[in-house]
Amino acid sequence: MIAPRQLEALAAVVEHGGFGPAARTLSITLAAVSLRIKSLESALGQRLLVRGKAVRATPAGQALLAHAKQVQLMEADLLQQLSGGQGQRWQSLAVATNADSVATWFLPGVAPLLLRHRLLLDITIDDQDHTHDALKSGAVTGCVTTLAEPMRGCVAEPLGVMRYRCVATEAVAQRCRTPAGRVSPHRLLAQPAVIFNRKDALQDAFLAQHFGLHTPQYPRHFAPAIDAFEAAIELGLGWGMVPEQQLARRGPARVPLVEVLPGAAVDVALYWQHWAREPLSAQRLTAAVKTAAQGQLVPLPSPGGAQGQAPATSMGV
């Protein structure tokens, strides 16, 4: 049997990135945390942590953390069933998703479930090409990702396509066009792009798909917050890729944004990867995520059917 305190110490070290922060979180000494981890590694006969500047879990440690999280959720579900739902406690579910999904369809779609079943979300925000790393490490129970191939012990559920448009203020869009009114790649690249963060490759995908430009050089603003990102575009700082759902929610009081290249888009295919063996609370979340995506995202092309715009291979948030 694995001692719960040992698992608690392992989870704290990985979550907080070190033995010192874990000790402070657990209100125990640094030596006590170290002893618990050493005892656990000795009992299992293998390393669970990679010690270094940033402590991280080994593959064995990741598997153990994922198992521990599953057990915790199953115990919480069992206690709820045994109590007949009386005095239901709040239960936390950790997920990873991209910022655009949270702001447009994910959170509004799952909110009724969270309120009805007293569920708490612990959301990790990352680029959708990288969210699966959190699932692989055992830090979350599910993630919105572009990875279609199921990871080991997981299921990949197709959600749909997020469609992004390249937009700017009218003044910026005009500077991207020739006197004849056509968009010039050279003029476009002379204007700064507004980018969410350094993992965001949507604008590169747009330039590659619609202009055949690969690894182009152009000035960039970085604004890693949804409100700041849109504000930067509205202020005329540059052009950026905004999801259709976000554009549709813009009110008449906002600064008008226009498409730089009308009709051109970048499609991002999204999937919900989650544990194959889910406790009841996580099953409910999976169902809510799929329902929310069905109502908000563009359906994925059916295999062998008519294909829409090809999803970009490297996407931003």
C-alpha atoms as a PDB file:
ATOM      1  CA  MET A   1       0.000   0.000   0.000  1.00  0.00           C
ATOM      2  CA  ILE A   2       1.162   3.507  -0.791  1.00  0.00           C
ATOM      3  CA  ALA A   3       0.879   5.878   2.130  1.00  0.00           C
ATOM      4  CA  PRO A   4      -1.445   8.813   1.349  1.00  0.00           C
ATOM      5  CA  ARG A   5       1.025  11.265   2.921  1.00  0.00           C
ATOM      6  CA  GLN A   6       3.727  10.123   0.520  1.00  0.00           C
ATOM      7  CA  LEU A   7       1.459  10.700  -2.470  1.00  0.00           C
ATOM      8  CA  GLU A   8       0.459  14.067  -1.020  1.00  0.00           C
ATOM      9  CA  ALA A   9       4.124  15.068  -0.794  1.00  0.00           C
ATOM     10  CA  LEU A  10       4.837  13.904  -4.343  1.00  0.00           C
ATOM     11  CA  ALA A  11       1.876  15.836  -5.736  1.00  0.00           C
ATOM     12  CA  ALA A  12       2.868  18.989  -3.834  1.00  0.00           C
ATOM     13  CA  VAL A  13       6.476  18.875  -5.062  1.00  0.00           C
ATOM     14  CA  VAL A  14       5.399  18.482  -8.685  1.00  0.00           C
ATOM     15  CA  GLU A  15       2.613  21.069  -8.481  1.00  0.00           C
ATOM     16  CA  HIS A  16       4.766  23.721  -6.806  1.00  0.00           C
ATOM     17  CA  GLY A  17       8.018  22.883  -8.597  1.00  0.00           C
ATOM     18  CA  GLY A  18      10.219  22.171  -5.600  1.00  0.00           C
ATOM     19  CA  PHE A  19      10.649  20.675  -2.135  1.00  0.00           C
ATOM     20  CA  GLY A  20      10.681  24.031  -0.345  1.00  0.00           C
ATOM     21  CA  PRO A  21       7.374  25.305  -1.766  1.00  0.00           C
ATOM     22  CA  ALA A  22       5.836  21.861  -1.140  1.00  0.00           C
ATOM     23  CA  ALA A  23       6.919  21.952   2.508  1.00  0.00           C
ATOM     24  CA  ARG A  24       5.374  25.387   2.987  1.00  0.00           C
ATOM     25  CA  THR A  25       2.139  24.267   1.331  1.00  0.00           C
ATOM     26  CA  LEU A  26       1.885  21.141   3.502  1.00  0.00           C
ATOM     27  CA  SER A  27       3.031  22.991   6.672  1.00  0.00           C
ATOM     28  CA  ILE A  28       5.792  20.473   7.320  1.00  0.00           C
ATOM     29  CA  THR A  29       9.580  20.639   7.255  1.00  0.00           C
ATOM     30  CA  LEU A  30      11.693  20.339   4.143  1.00  0.00           C
ATOM     31  CA  ALA A  31      13.294  17.233   5.634  1.00  0.00           C
ATOM     32  CA  ALA A  32       9.867  15.620   6.099  1.00  0.00           C
ATOM     33  CA  VAL A  33       8.965  16.167   2.444  1.00  0.00           C
ATOM     34  CA  SER A  34      12.310  14.747   1.322  1.00  0.00           C
ATOM     35  CA  LEU A  35      11.906  11.711   3.600  1.00  0.00           C
ATOM     36  CA  ARG A  36       8.412  10.946   2.282  1.00  0.00           C
ATOM     37  CA  ILE A  37       9.592  11.106  -1.332  1.00  0.00           C
ATOM     38  CA  LYS A  38      12.670   8.949  -0.633  1.00  0.00           C
ATOM     39  CA  SER A  39      10.547   6.379   1.194  1.00  0.00           C
ATOM     40  CA  LEU A  40       8.083   6.231  -1.699  1.00  0.00           C
ATOM     41  CA  GLU A  41      10.855   5.850  -4.277  1.00  0.00           C
ATOM     42  CA  SER A  42      12.508   3.160  -2.150  1.00  0.00           C
ATOM     43  CA  ALA A  43       9.249   1.219  -1.803  1.00  0.00           C
ATOM     44  CA  LEU A  44       8.610   1.319  -5.552  1.00  0.00           C
ATOM     45  CA  GLY A  45      12.227   0.771  -6.525  1.00  0.00           C
ATOM     46  CA  GLN A  46      12.456   3.649  -9.001  1.00  0.00           C
ATOM     47  CA  ARG A  47      12.902   7.363  -9.309  1.00  0.00           C
ATOM     48  CA  LEU A  48       9.712   9.436  -9.284  1.00  0.00           C
ATOM     49  CA  LEU A  49      11.257  12.897  -9.572  1.00  0.00           C
ATOM     50  CA  VAL A  50      13.965  14.492 -11.679  1.00  0.00           C
ATOM     51  CA  ARG A  51      15.835  16.789  -9.325  1.00  0.00           C
ATOM     52  CA  GLY A  52      17.178  19.989 -10.815  1.00  0.00           C
ATOM     53  CA  LYS A  53      16.525  23.680 -11.103  1.00  0.00           C
ATOM     54  CA  ALA A  54      12.891  22.808 -11.780  1.00  0.00           C
ATOM     55  CA  VAL A  55      11.751  19.544 -10.186  1.00  0.00           C
ATOM     56  CA  ARG A  56       9.550  17.440 -12.458  1.00  0.00           C
ATOM     57  CA  ALA A  57       8.025  13.979 -12.386  1.00  0.00           C
ATOM     58  CA  THR A  58       9.565  11.028 -14.212  1.00  0.00           C
ATOM     59  CA  PRO A  59       7.245   8.896 -16.399  1.00  0.00           C
ATOM     60  CA  ALA A  60       6.729   6.635 -13.374  1.00  0.00           C
ATOM     61  CA  GLY A  61       5.965   9.667 -11.222  1.00  0.00           C
ATOM     62  CA  GLN A  62       3.481  10.974 -13.791  1.00  0.00           C
ATOM     63  CA  ALA A  63       1.688   7.606 -13.880  1.00  0.00           C
ATOM     64  CA  LEU A  64       1.548   7.509 -10.086  1.00  0.00           C
ATOM     65  CA  LEU A  65       0.164  11.058  -9.857  1.00  0.00           C
ATOM     66  CA  ALA A  66      -2.510  10.320 -12.469  1.00  0.00           C
ATOM     67  CA  HIS A  67      -3.525   7.199 -10.528  1.00  0.00           C
ATOM     68  CA  ALA A  68      -3.637   9.137  -7.265  1.00  0.00           C
ATOM     69  CA  LYS A  69      -5.828  11.831  -8.801  1.00  0.00           C
ATOM     70  CA  GLN A  70      -8.210   9.193 -10.191  1.00  0.00           C
ATOM     71  CA  VAL A  71      -8.454   7.532  -6.778  1.00  0.00           C
ATOM     72  CA  GLN A  72      -9.195  10.874  -5.088  1.00  0.00           C
ATOM     73  CA  LEU A  73     -11.988  11.653  -7.537  1.00  0.00           C
ATOM     74  CA  MET A  74     -13.468   8.167  -7.234  1.00  0.00           C
ATOM     75  CA  GLU A  75     -13.428   8.415  -3.435  1.00  0.00           C
ATOM     76  CA  ALA A  76     -15.207  11.771  -3.609  1.00  0.00           C
ATOM     77  CA  ASP A  77     -17.847  10.303  -5.932  1.00  0.00           C
ATOM     78  CA  LEU A  78     -18.319   7.305  -3.619  1.00  0.00           C
ATOM     79  CA  LEU A  79     -18.734   9.491  -0.524  1.00  0.00           C
ATOM     80  CA  GLN A  80     -21.337  11.546  -2.359  1.00  0.00           C
ATOM     81  CA  GLN A  81     -23.282   8.419  -3.334  1.00  0.00           C
ATOM     82  CA  LEU A  82     -23.138   7.002   0.201  1.00  0.00           C
ATOM     83  CA  SER A  83     -24.443  10.250   1.648  1.00  0.00           C
ATOM     84  CA  GLY A  84     -27.310  10.304  -0.850  1.00  0.00           C
ATOM     85  CA  GLY A  85     -26.198  13.739  -2.033  1.00  0.00           C
ATOM     86  CA  GLN A  86     -26.795  15.233   1.424  1.00  0.00           C
ATOM     87  CA  GLY A  87     -24.248  17.840   2.461  1.00  0.00           C
ATOM     88  CA  GLN A  88     -22.521  17.521  -0.905  1.00  0.00           C
ATOM     89  CA  ARG A  89     -18.981  18.851  -0.790  1.00  0.00           C
ATOM     90  CA  TRP A  90     -17.288  20.917  -3.453  1.00  0.00           C
ATOM     91  CA  GLN A  91     -15.104  18.753  -5.671  1.00  0.00           C
ATOM     92  CA  SER A  92     -12.219  20.012  -7.838  1.00  0.00           C
ATOM     93  CA  LEU A  93     -11.455  18.923 -11.407  1.00  0.00           C
ATOM     94  CA  ALA A  94      -8.246  20.029 -13.123  1.00  0.00           C
ATOM     95  CA  VAL A  95      -8.353  20.698 -16.876  1.00  0.00           C
ATOM     96  CA  ALA A  96      -6.100  22.309 -19.472  1.00  0.00           C
ATOM     97  CA  THR A  97      -7.358  24.384 -22.382  1.00  0.00           C
ATOM     98  CA  ASN A  98      -6.464  27.308 -24.594  1.00  0.00           C
ATOM     99  CA  ALA A  99      -7.513  30.837 -23.662  1.00  0.00           C
ATOM    100  CA  ASP A 100      -9.802  31.335 -26.674  1.00  0.00           C
ATOM    101  CA  SER A 101     -11.859  28.256 -25.807  1.00  0.00           C
ATOM    102  CA  VAL A 102     -12.260  29.351 -22.184  1.00  0.00           C
ATOM    103  CA  ALA A 103     -13.385  32.828 -23.252  1.00  0.00           C
ATOM    104  CA  THR A 104     -15.880  31.705 -25.905  1.00  0.00           C
ATOM    105  CA  TRP A 105     -17.471  28.274 -25.495  1.00  0.00           C
ATOM    106  CA  PHE A 106     -15.810  26.119 -22.816  1.00  0.00           C
ATOM    107  CA  LEU A 107     -16.626  27.945 -19.600  1.00  0.00           C
ATOM    108  CA  PRO A 108     -20.160  29.049 -20.584  1.00  0.00           C
ATOM    109  CA  GLY A 109     -20.878  25.499 -21.731  1.00  0.00           C
ATOM    110  CA  VAL A 110     -19.833  23.725 -18.530  1.00  0.00           C
ATOM    111  CA  ALA A 111     -21.008  26.383 -16.017  1.00  0.00           C
ATOM    112  CA  PRO A 112     -24.484  24.822 -15.446  1.00  0.00           C
ATOM    113  CA  LEU A 113     -22.870  21.455 -14.644  1.00  0.00           C
ATOM    114  CA  LEU A 114     -20.409  23.029 -12.205  1.00  0.00           C
ATOM    115  CA  LEU A 115     -23.187  24.788 -10.316  1.00  0.00           C
ATOM    116  CA  ARG A 116     -25.528  21.784 -10.290  1.00  0.00           C
ATOM    117  CA  HIS A 117     -22.962  19.283  -8.975  1.00  0.00           C
ATOM    118  CA  ARG A 118     -20.789  21.628  -6.899  1.00  0.00           C
ATOM    119  CA  LEU A 119     -17.723  21.114  -9.051  1.00  0.00           C
ATOM    120  CA  LEU A 120     -14.701  23.400  -8.988  1.00  0.00           C
ATOM    121  CA  LEU A 121     -12.502  23.893 -12.057  1.00  0.00           C
ATOM    122  CA  ASP A 122      -8.740  24.217 -11.757  1.00  0.00           C
ATOM    123  CA  ILE A 123      -7.904  25.531 -15.243  1.00  0.00           C
ATOM    124  CA  THR A 124      -4.435  25.495 -16.775  1.00  0.00           C
ATOM    125  CA  ILE A 125      -4.186  27.864 -19.745  1.00  0.00           C
ATOM    126  CA  ASP A 126      -1.794  26.880 -22.506  1.00  0.00           C
ATOM    127  CA  ASP A 127      -1.537  26.776 -26.276  1.00  0.00           C
ATOM    128  CA  GLN A 128      -3.769  24.011 -27.623  1.00  0.00           C
ATOM    129  CA  ASP A 129      -0.732  22.311 -29.152  1.00  0.00           C
ATOM    130  CA  HIS A 130       0.724  21.926 -25.657  1.00  0.00           C
ATOM    131  CA  THR A 131      -2.223  21.308 -23.305  1.00  0.00           C
ATOM    132  CA  HIS A 132      -1.808  17.536 -23.644  1.00  0.00           C
ATOM    133  CA  ASP A 133       1.491  17.821 -21.751  1.00  0.00           C
ATOM    134  CA  ALA A 134      -0.515  18.585 -18.597  1.00  0.00           C
ATOM    135  CA  LEU A 135      -2.660  15.476 -19.166  1.00  0.00           C
ATOM    136  CA  LYS A 136       0.405  13.340 -19.827  1.00  0.00           C
ATOM    137  CA  SER A 137       1.999  14.505 -16.571  1.00  0.00           C
ATOM    138  CA  GLY A 138      -1.117  13.588 -14.580  1.00  0.00           C
ATOM    139  CA  ALA A 139      -1.762  17.209 -13.610  1.00  0.00           C
ATOM    140  CA  VAL A 140      -5.227  17.345 -15.222  1.00  0.00           C
ATOM    141  CA  THR A 141      -8.092  14.958 -15.969  1.00  0.00           C
ATOM    142  CA  GLY A 142      -8.773  16.293 -19.473  1.00  0.00           C
ATOM    143  CA  CYS A 143      -7.606  18.857 -21.994  1.00  0.00           C
ATOM    144  CA  VAL A 144      -8.715  20.721 -25.114  1.00  0.00           C
ATOM    145  CA  THR A 145      -5.999  19.954 -27.637  1.00  0.00           C
ATOM    146  CA  THR A 146      -5.145  19.721 -31.342  1.00  0.00           C
ATOM    147  CA  LEU A 147      -3.735  16.224 -30.736  1.00  0.00           C
ATOM    148  CA  ALA A 148      -6.088  13.767 -32.429  1.00  0.00           C
ATOM    149  CA  GLU A 149      -4.152  10.594 -31.542  1.00  0.00           C
ATOM    150  CA  PRO A 150      -5.177   9.328 -28.091  1.00  0.00           C
ATOM    151  CA  MET A 151      -2.367   9.247 -25.566  1.00  0.00           C
ATOM    152  CA  ARG A 152      -1.739   6.124 -23.544  1.00  0.00           C
ATOM    153  CA  GLY A 153      -4.669   5.425 -21.228  1.00  0.00           C
ATOM    154  CA  CYS A 154      -6.706   8.258 -22.738  1.00  0.00           C
ATOM    155  CA  VAL A 155      -9.561   8.838 -25.189  1.00  0.00           C
ATOM    156  CA  ALA A 156      -9.574  11.591 -27.836  1.00  0.00           C
ATOM    157  CA  GLU A 157     -13.072  12.944 -28.493  1.00  0.00           C
ATOM    158  CA  PRO A 158     -13.491  15.165 -31.599  1.00  0.00           C
ATOM    159  CA  LEU A 159     -14.971  18.532 -30.634  1.00  0.00           C
ATOM    160  CA  GLY A 160     -15.007  20.622 -33.794  1.00  0.00           C
ATOM    161  CA  VAL A 161     -13.185  23.453 -35.498  1.00  0.00           C
ATOM    162  CA  MET A 162     -12.407  26.927 -34.179  1.00  0.00           C
ATOM    163  CA  ARG A 163     -12.257  29.310 -37.148  1.00  0.00           C
ATOM    164  CA  TYR A 164      -9.987  32.337 -36.900  1.00  0.00           C
ATOM    165  CA  ARG A 165     -10.141  35.513 -38.990  1.00  0.00           C
ATOM    166  CA  CYS A 166      -7.309  37.968 -39.594  1.00  0.00           C
ATOM    167  CA  VAL A 167      -8.656  41.343 -38.457  1.00  0.00           C
ATOM    168  CA  ALA A 168      -7.485  44.898 -37.840  1.00  0.00           C
ATOM    169  CA  THR A 169      -8.830  48.419 -37.690  1.00  0.00           C
ATOM    170  CA  GLU A 170      -9.785  49.921 -41.046  1.00  0.00           C
ATOM    171  CA  ALA A 171      -6.701  52.161 -40.948  1.00  0.00           C
ATOM    172  CA  VAL A 172      -4.303  49.228 -40.426  1.00  0.00           C
ATOM    173  CA  ALA A 173      -6.101  47.130 -43.070  1.00  0.00           C
ATOM    174  CA  GLN A 174      -5.745  49.973 -45.570  1.00  0.00           C
ATOM    175  CA  ARG A 175      -1.994  50.096 -44.987  1.00  0.00           C
ATOM    176  CA  CYS A 176      -1.849  46.423 -45.962  1.00  0.00           C
ATOM    177  CA  ARG A 177      -3.390  47.108 -49.407  1.00  0.00           C
ATOM    178  CA  THR A 178      -2.055  48.489 -52.669  1.00  0.00           C
ATOM    179  CA  PRO A 179      -3.595  51.640 -54.256  1.00  0.00           C
ATOM    180  CA  ALA A 180      -5.697  49.218 -56.319  1.00  0.00           C
ATOM    181  CA  GLY A 181      -7.197  47.754 -53.107  1.00  0.00           C
ATOM    182  CA  ARG A 182      -5.452  44.363 -53.145  1.00  0.00           C
ATOM    183  CA  VAL A 183      -3.720  42.956 -50.075  1.00  0.00           C
ATOM    184  CA  SER A 184       0.039  43.052 -50.548  1.00  0.00           C
ATOM    185  CA  PRO A 185       2.104  40.494 -48.592  1.00  0.00           C
ATOM    186  CA  HIS A 186       4.965  42.988 -48.375  1.00  0.00           C
ATOM    187  CA  ARG A 187       2.703  45.706 -46.997  1.00  0.00           C
ATOM    188  CA  LEU A 188       1.134  43.227 -44.552  1.00  0.00           C
ATOM    189  CA  LEU A 189       4.539  42.106 -43.265  1.00  0.00           C
ATOM    190  CA  ALA A 190       5.504  45.739 -42.754  1.00  0.00           C
ATOM    191  CA  GLN A 191       2.677  46.065 -40.196  1.00  0.00           C
ATOM    192  CA  PRO A 192       3.095  44.617 -36.688  1.00  0.00           C
ATOM    193  CA  ALA A 193       1.124  41.531 -35.736  1.00  0.00           C
ATOM    194  CA  VAL A 194      -0.575  41.270 -32.347  1.00  0.00           C
ATOM    195  CA  ILE A 195       0.225  37.826 -30.926  1.00  0.00           C
ATOM    196  CA  PHE A 196      -1.067  36.152 -27.774  1.00  0.00           C
ATOM    197  CA  ASN A 197       2.257  34.644 -26.692  1.00  0.00           C
ATOM    198  CA  ARG A 198       5.406  33.069 -28.104  1.00  0.00           C
ATOM    199  CA  LYS A 199       3.720  29.684 -28.585  1.00  0.00           C
ATOM    200  CA  ASP A 200       1.053  31.293 -30.776  1.00  0.00           C
ATOM    201  CA  ALA A 201       1.638  30.372 -34.429  1.00  0.00           C
ATOM    202  CA  LEU A 202      -1.784  31.260 -35.872  1.00  0.00           C
ATOM    203  CA  GLN A 203      -0.475  34.252 -37.785  1.00  0.00           C
ATOM    204  CA  ASP A 204       2.314  32.117 -39.286  1.00  0.00           C
ATOM    205  CA  ALA A 205      -0.307  29.577 -40.358  1.00  0.00           C
ATOM    206  CA  PHE A 206      -2.378  32.370 -41.936  1.00  0.00           C
ATOM    207  CA  LEU A 207       0.602  33.673 -43.921  1.00  0.00           C
ATOM    208  CA  ALA A 208       1.575  30.156 -45.035  1.00  0.00           C
ATOM    209  CA  GLN A 209      -1.951  29.108 -46.090  1.00  0.00           C
ATOM    210  CA  HIS A 210      -2.989  32.260 -47.902  1.00  0.00           C
ATOM    211  CA  PHE A 211       0.267  33.764 -49.143  1.00  0.00           C
ATOM    212  CA  GLY A 212       2.639  30.791 -49.308  1.00  0.00           C
ATOM    213  CA  LEU A 213       5.006  32.521 -46.874  1.00  0.00           C
ATOM    214  CA  HIS A 214       6.980  30.278 -44.530  1.00  0.00           C
ATOM    215  CA  THR A 215       8.938  31.545 -41.495  1.00  0.00           C
ATOM    216  CA  PRO A 216       8.486  35.177 -42.568  1.00  0.00           C
ATOM    217  CA  GLN A 217       9.938  38.031 -40.551  1.00  0.00           C
ATOM    218  CA  TYR A 218       7.631  40.791 -39.309  1.00  0.00           C
ATOM    219  CA  PRO A 219       7.294  43.040 -36.224  1.00  0.00           C
ATOM    220  CA  ARG A 220       5.264  41.609 -33.335  1.00  0.00           C
ATOM    221  CA  HIS A 221       3.439  42.761 -30.223  1.00  0.00           C
ATOM    222  CA  PHE A 222       2.833  40.137 -27.504  1.00  0.00           C
ATOM    223  CA  ALA A 223      -0.326  40.512 -25.398  1.00  0.00           C
ATOM    224  CA  PRO A 224      -0.959  37.331 -23.341  1.00  0.00           C
ATOM    225  CA  ALA A 225      -4.494  38.162 -22.144  1.00  0.00           C
ATOM    226  CA  ILE A 226      -7.734  38.039 -24.126  1.00  0.00           C
ATOM    227  CA  ASP A 227      -8.829  41.583 -23.242  1.00  0.00           C
ATOM    228  CA  ALA A 228      -5.372  43.061 -23.792  1.00  0.00           C
ATOM    229  CA  PHE A 229      -5.007  41.169 -27.077  1.00  0.00           C
ATOM    230  CA  GLU A 230      -8.214  42.596 -28.540  1.00  0.00           C
ATOM    231  CA  ALA A 231      -7.511  46.034 -27.067  1.00  0.00           C
ATOM    232  CA  ALA A 232      -4.154  46.129 -28.842  1.00  0.00           C
ATOM    233  CA  ILE A 233      -5.853  45.420 -32.175  1.00  0.00           C
ATOM    234  CA  GLU A 234      -8.574  48.012 -31.494  1.00  0.00           C
ATOM    235  CA  LEU A 235      -5.896  50.600 -30.698  1.00  0.00           C
ATOM    236  CA  GLY A 236      -4.436  50.114 -34.162  1.00  0.00           C
ATOM    237  CA  LEU A 237      -1.220  48.500 -32.956  1.00  0.00           C
ATOM    238  CA  GLY A 238      -1.426  45.788 -35.600  1.00  0.00           C
ATOM    239  CA  TRP A 239      -3.351  42.896 -37.108  1.00  0.00           C
ATOM    240  CA  GLY A 240      -4.263  39.669 -35.307  1.00  0.00           C
ATOM    241  CA  MET A 241      -6.091  36.350 -35.499  1.00  0.00           C
ATOM    242  CA  VAL A 242      -9.420  36.378 -33.620  1.00  0.00           C
ATOM    243  CA  PRO A 243     -11.911  33.470 -33.396  1.00  0.00           C
ATOM    244  CA  GLU A 244     -15.270  33.957 -35.122  1.00  0.00           C
ATOM    245  CA  GLN A 245     -17.085  33.363 -31.835  1.00  0.00           C
ATOM    246  CA  GLN A 246     -15.265  36.306 -30.281  1.00  0.00           C
ATOM    247  CA  LEU A 247     -15.971  38.558 -33.267  1.00  0.00           C
ATOM    248  CA  ALA A 248     -19.668  37.676 -33.143  1.00  0.00           C
ATOM    249  CA  ARG A 249     -19.900  38.815 -29.507  1.00  0.00           C
ATOM    250  CA  ARG A 250     -18.485  42.277 -30.142  1.00  0.00           C
ATOM    251  CA  GLY A 251     -21.029  45.003 -29.403  1.00  0.00           C
ATOM    252  CA  PRO A 252     -21.690  48.163 -31.423  1.00  0.00           C
ATOM    253  CA  ALA A 253     -19.815  50.274 -28.868  1.00  0.00           C
ATOM    254  CA  ARG A 254     -16.532  48.509 -29.650  1.00  0.00           C
ATOM    255  CA  VAL A 255     -14.027  49.817 -32.192  1.00  0.00           C
ATOM    256  CA  PRO A 256     -14.950  48.240 -35.559  1.00  0.00           C
ATOM    257  CA  LEU A 257     -12.586  45.567 -36.848  1.00  0.00           C
ATOM    258  CA  VAL A 258     -12.444  44.444 -40.469  1.00  0.00           C
ATOM    259  CA  GLU A 259     -10.960  41.402 -42.172  1.00  0.00           C
ATOM    260  CA  VAL A 260      -7.565  42.112 -43.661  1.00  0.00           C
ATOM    261  CA  LEU A 261      -8.128  39.428 -46.299  1.00  0.00           C
ATOM    262  CA  PRO A 262     -11.922  38.986 -46.548  1.00  0.00           C
ATOM    263  CA  GLY A 263     -13.104  35.374 -46.611  1.00  0.00           C
ATOM    264  CA  ALA A 264      -9.737  33.923 -45.579  1.00  0.00           C
ATOM    265  CA  ALA A 265      -9.556  31.921 -42.362  1.00  0.00           C
ATOM    266  CA  VAL A 266      -7.443  29.471 -40.404  1.00  0.00           C
ATOM    267  CA  ASP A 267      -9.251  26.431 -39.026  1.00  0.00           C
ATOM    268  CA  VAL A 268      -8.096  24.734 -35.828  1.00  0.00           C
ATOM    269  CA  ALA A 269      -9.398  21.205 -35.202  1.00  0.00           C
ATOM    270  CA  LEU A 270      -9.927  20.599 -31.479  1.00  0.00           C
ATOM    271  CA  TYR A 271     -10.234  17.376 -29.469  1.00  0.00           C
ATOM    272  CA  TRP A 272     -11.062  16.593 -25.855  1.00  0.00           C
ATOM    273  CA  GLN A 273      -8.489  14.153 -24.495  1.00  0.00           C
ATOM    274  CA  HIS A 274      -9.360  12.572 -21.149  1.00  0.00           C
ATOM    275  CA  TRP A 275      -8.705   9.487 -19.074  1.00  0.00           C
ATOM    276  CA  ALA A 276     -10.207   6.291 -20.470  1.00  0.00           C
ATOM    277  CA  ARG A 277     -11.293   5.334 -16.929  1.00  0.00           C
ATOM    278  CA  GLU A 278     -13.095   8.379 -15.624  1.00  0.00           C
ATOM    279  CA  PRO A 279     -14.845   8.820 -12.270  1.00  0.00           C
ATOM    280  CA  LEU A 280     -18.460   9.968 -12.439  1.00  0.00           C
ATOM    281  CA  SER A 281     -17.686  13.670 -11.956  1.00  0.00           C
ATOM    282  CA  ALA A 282     -15.169  13.631 -14.819  1.00  0.00           C
ATOM    283  CA  GLN A 283     -17.640  11.720 -17.027  1.00  0.00           C
ATOM    284  CA  ARG A 284     -20.187  14.474 -16.469  1.00  0.00           C
ATOM    285  CA  LEU A 285     -17.606  17.098 -17.388  1.00  0.00           C
ATOM    286  CA  THR A 286     -16.702  15.244 -20.579  1.00  0.00           C
ATOM    287  CA  ALA A 287     -20.367  15.113 -21.617  1.00  0.00           C
ATOM    288  CA  ALA A 288     -20.787  18.849 -20.908  1.00  0.00           C
ATOM    289  CA  VAL A 289     -17.644  19.752 -22.883  1.00  0.00           C
ATOM    290  CA  LYS A 290     -18.803  17.746 -25.912  1.00  0.00           C
ATOM    291  CA  THR A 291     -22.278  19.286 -25.805  1.00  0.00           C
ATOM    292  CA  ALA A 292     -20.865  22.811 -25.496  1.00  0.00           C
ATOM    293  CA  ALA A 293     -18.491  22.287 -28.422  1.00  0.00           C
ATOM    294  CA  GLN A 294     -21.276  20.854 -30.576  1.00  0.00           C
ATOM    295  CA  GLY A 295     -23.274  24.048 -30.148  1.00  0.00           C
ATOM    296  CA  GLN A 296     -20.418  26.492 -30.749  1.00  0.00           C
ATOM    297  CA  LEU A 297     -17.761  24.974 -33.018  1.00  0.00           C
ATOM    298  CA  VAL A 298     -17.766  24.227 -36.739  1.00  0.00           C
ATOM    299  CA  PRO A 299     -18.220  20.453 -37.269  1.00  0.00           C
ATOM    300  CA  LEU A 300     -15.101  18.539 -38.208  1.00  0.00           C
ATOM    301  CA  PRO A 301     -15.030  17.244 -41.809  1.00  0.00           C
ATOM    302  CA  SER A 302     -16.161  13.641 -41.977  1.00  0.00           C
ATOM    303  CA  PRO A 303     -13.484  11.146 -43.103  1.00  0.00           C
ATOM    304  CA  GLY A 304     -13.665  10.691 -46.850  1.00  0.00           C
ATOM    305  CA  GLY A 305     -16.279  13.456 -47.138  1.00  0.00           C
ATOM    306  CA  ALA A 306     -16.049  16.960 -48.506  1.00  0.00           C
ATOM    307  CA  GLN A 307     -13.126  18.664 -46.890  1.00  0.00           C
ATOM    308  CA  GLY A 308     -13.248  22.196 -45.622  1.00  0.00           C
ATOM    309  CA  GLN A 309     -10.242  24.333 -45.041  1.00  0.00           C
ATOM    310  CA  ALA A 310      -7.319  22.259 -43.827  1.00  0.00           C
ATOM    311  CA  PRO A 311      -6.494  22.749 -40.159  1.00  0.00           C
ATOM    312  CA  ALA A 312      -3.176  24.495 -39.582  1.00  0.00           C
ATOM    313  CA  THR A 313      -0.448  22.242 -38.239  1.00  0.00           C
ATOM    314  CA  SER A 314       0.823  24.733 -35.671  1.00  0.00           C
ATOM    315  CA  MET A 315      -1.730  26.749 -33.776  1.00  0.00           C
ATOM    316  CA  GLY A 316      -1.828  29.440 -31.148  1.00  0.00           C
ATOM    317  CA  VAL A 317      -4.315  30.071 -28.398  1.00  0.00           C
END
